[in-house]
């Protein structure tokens, strides 16, 4: 699946997107796999309350299942303007 990173998440990880092969069942499982990779992922995901997630461009939460997902995106909360 494609994993996309936006704003400061992208800055901490150093990539705008990557292709990930995973056996993760939920978004939280995917985050755990990514965090175990390298310190830069751990830094990006250290406070999940400061992040939002979307699966196939639909907002969801970290307990959401990944079965059939093509894309997961991580980003900070949006603010109006």
C-alpha atoms as a PDB file:
ATOM      1  CA  UNK A   1       0.000   0.000   0.000  1.00  0.00           C
ATOM      2  CA  UNK A   2       1.014   3.616  -0.397  1.00  0.00           C
ATOM      3  CA  UNK A   3       1.664   5.552   2.799  1.00  0.00           C
ATOM      4  CA  UNK A   4       1.530   9.336   2.504  1.00  0.00           C
ATOM      5  CA  UNK A   5       2.923  11.871   4.961  1.00  0.00           C
ATOM      6  CA  UNK A   6       1.915  15.535   5.107  1.00  0.00           C
ATOM      7  CA  UNK A   7       3.175  18.714   6.798  1.00  0.00           C
ATOM      8  CA  UNK A   8       5.457  18.155   9.819  1.00  0.00           C
ATOM      9  CA  UNK A   9       4.968  14.366   9.598  1.00  0.00           C
ATOM     10  CA  UNK A  10       6.639  14.469   6.170  1.00  0.00           C
ATOM     11  CA  UNK A  11       9.386  16.718   7.527  1.00  0.00           C
ATOM     12  CA  UNK A  12      10.214  14.366  10.404  1.00  0.00           C
ATOM     13  CA  UNK A  13      10.199  11.229   8.265  1.00  0.00           C
ATOM     14  CA  UNK A  14      11.886  12.884   5.302  1.00  0.00           C
ATOM     15  CA  UNK A  15       9.571  11.399   2.667  1.00  0.00           C
ATOM     16  CA  UNK A  16       6.292  12.557   1.146  1.00  0.00           C
ATOM     17  CA  UNK A  17       5.202   8.960   0.415  1.00  0.00           C
ATOM     18  CA  UNK A  18       6.441   5.400   0.294  1.00  0.00           C
ATOM     19  CA  UNK A  19       5.242   1.980  -0.773  1.00  0.00           C
ATOM     20  CA  UNK A  20       4.931  -0.344   2.230  1.00  0.00           C
ATOM     21  CA  UNK A  21       4.452  -4.100   2.337  1.00  0.00           C
ATOM     22  CA  UNK A  22       2.761  -4.847   5.630  1.00  0.00           C
ATOM     23  CA  UNK A  23       0.916  -7.532   7.502  1.00  0.00           C
ATOM     24  CA  UNK A  24      -0.658  -4.917   9.788  1.00  0.00           C
ATOM     25  CA  UNK A  25      -4.341  -5.456  10.500  1.00  0.00           C
ATOM     26  CA  UNK A  26      -5.099  -1.932  11.743  1.00  0.00           C
ATOM     27  CA  UNK A  27      -3.687   1.563  11.345  1.00  0.00           C
ATOM     28  CA  UNK A  28      -2.256   1.276  14.880  1.00  0.00           C
ATOM     29  CA  UNK A  29      -0.442  -1.923  13.852  1.00  0.00           C
ATOM     30  CA  UNK A  30       0.998  -0.119  10.826  1.00  0.00           C
ATOM     31  CA  UNK A  31       2.179   2.735  13.035  1.00  0.00           C
ATOM     32  CA  UNK A  32       3.866   0.210  15.349  1.00  0.00           C
ATOM     33  CA  UNK A  33       5.663  -1.371  12.376  1.00  0.00           C
ATOM     34  CA  UNK A  34       6.812   1.999  11.058  1.00  0.00           C
ATOM     35  CA  UNK A  35       7.896   3.216  14.504  1.00  0.00           C
ATOM     36  CA  UNK A  36      10.057   0.118  14.942  1.00  0.00           C
ATOM     37  CA  UNK A  37      11.927   0.877  11.692  1.00  0.00           C
ATOM     38  CA  UNK A  38      13.903   3.981  12.620  1.00  0.00           C
ATOM     39  CA  UNK A  39      14.031   6.878  15.050  1.00  0.00           C
ATOM     40  CA  UNK A  40      12.606   9.314  12.478  1.00  0.00           C
ATOM     41  CA  UNK A  41       9.353   7.321  12.384  1.00  0.00           C
ATOM     42  CA  UNK A  42       9.268   7.132  16.171  1.00  0.00           C
ATOM     43  CA  UNK A  43       9.634  10.926  16.284  1.00  0.00           C
ATOM     44  CA  UNK A  44       6.800  11.435  13.800  1.00  0.00           C
ATOM     45  CA  UNK A  45       4.417   9.076  15.596  1.00  0.00           C
ATOM     46  CA  UNK A  46       5.322   9.842  19.219  1.00  0.00           C
ATOM     47  CA  UNK A  47       2.015  11.641  19.914  1.00  0.00           C
ATOM     48  CA  UNK A  48      -0.873  10.060  18.018  1.00  0.00           C
ATOM     49  CA  UNK A  49      -3.318  12.557  19.510  1.00  0.00           C
ATOM     50  CA  UNK A  50      -1.591  15.180  17.331  1.00  0.00           C
ATOM     51  CA  UNK A  51      -2.230  13.177  14.145  1.00  0.00           C
ATOM     52  CA  UNK A  52      -5.122  12.371  11.876  1.00  0.00           C
ATOM     53  CA  UNK A  53      -5.314   9.438   9.503  1.00  0.00           C
ATOM     54  CA  UNK A  54      -7.216   8.686   6.325  1.00  0.00           C
ATOM     55  CA  UNK A  55      -7.627   5.381   4.521  1.00  0.00           C
ATOM     56  CA  UNK A  56      -8.289   5.709   0.798  1.00  0.00           C
ATOM     57  CA  UNK A  57      -9.012   9.424   1.331  1.00  0.00           C
ATOM     58  CA  UNK A  58     -11.614   8.919   4.073  1.00  0.00           C
ATOM     59  CA  UNK A  59     -10.933  10.120   7.609  1.00  0.00           C
ATOM     60  CA  UNK A  60     -10.802   7.324  10.140  1.00  0.00           C
ATOM     61  CA  UNK A  61      -9.111   6.445  13.421  1.00  0.00           C
ATOM     62  CA  UNK A  62      -6.117   4.388  14.431  1.00  0.00           C
ATOM     63  CA  UNK A  63      -8.205   1.319  15.239  1.00  0.00           C
ATOM     64  CA  UNK A  64      -9.520   1.117  11.664  1.00  0.00           C
ATOM     65  CA  UNK A  65      -8.836  -2.099   9.743  1.00  0.00           C
ATOM     66  CA  UNK A  66      -6.464  -1.985   6.778  1.00  0.00           C
ATOM     67  CA  UNK A  67      -7.941  -4.908   4.834  1.00  0.00           C
ATOM     68  CA  UNK A  68      -8.227  -3.854   1.198  1.00  0.00           C
ATOM     69  CA  UNK A  69      -6.697  -0.410   1.764  1.00  0.00           C
ATOM     70  CA  UNK A  70      -4.675   1.023  -1.098  1.00  0.00           C
ATOM     71  CA  UNK A  71      -3.553   4.222   0.619  1.00  0.00           C
ATOM     72  CA  UNK A  72      -3.028   5.474   4.177  1.00  0.00           C
ATOM     73  CA  UNK A  73      -2.281   9.132   4.850  1.00  0.00           C
ATOM     74  CA  UNK A  74      -1.001  10.724   8.058  1.00  0.00           C
ATOM     75  CA  UNK A  75      -1.326  14.456   8.725  1.00  0.00           C
ATOM     76  CA  UNK A  76      -1.817  16.994  11.516  1.00  0.00           C
ATOM     77  CA  UNK A  77      -5.327  18.289  12.264  1.00  0.00           C
ATOM     78  CA  UNK A  78      -6.627  20.825   9.766  1.00  0.00           C
ATOM     79  CA  UNK A  79      -7.615  24.298  10.835  1.00  0.00           C
ATOM     80  CA  UNK A  80     -10.045  26.621   9.134  1.00  0.00           C
ATOM     81  CA  UNK A  81      -9.083  30.001   7.877  1.00  0.00           C
END
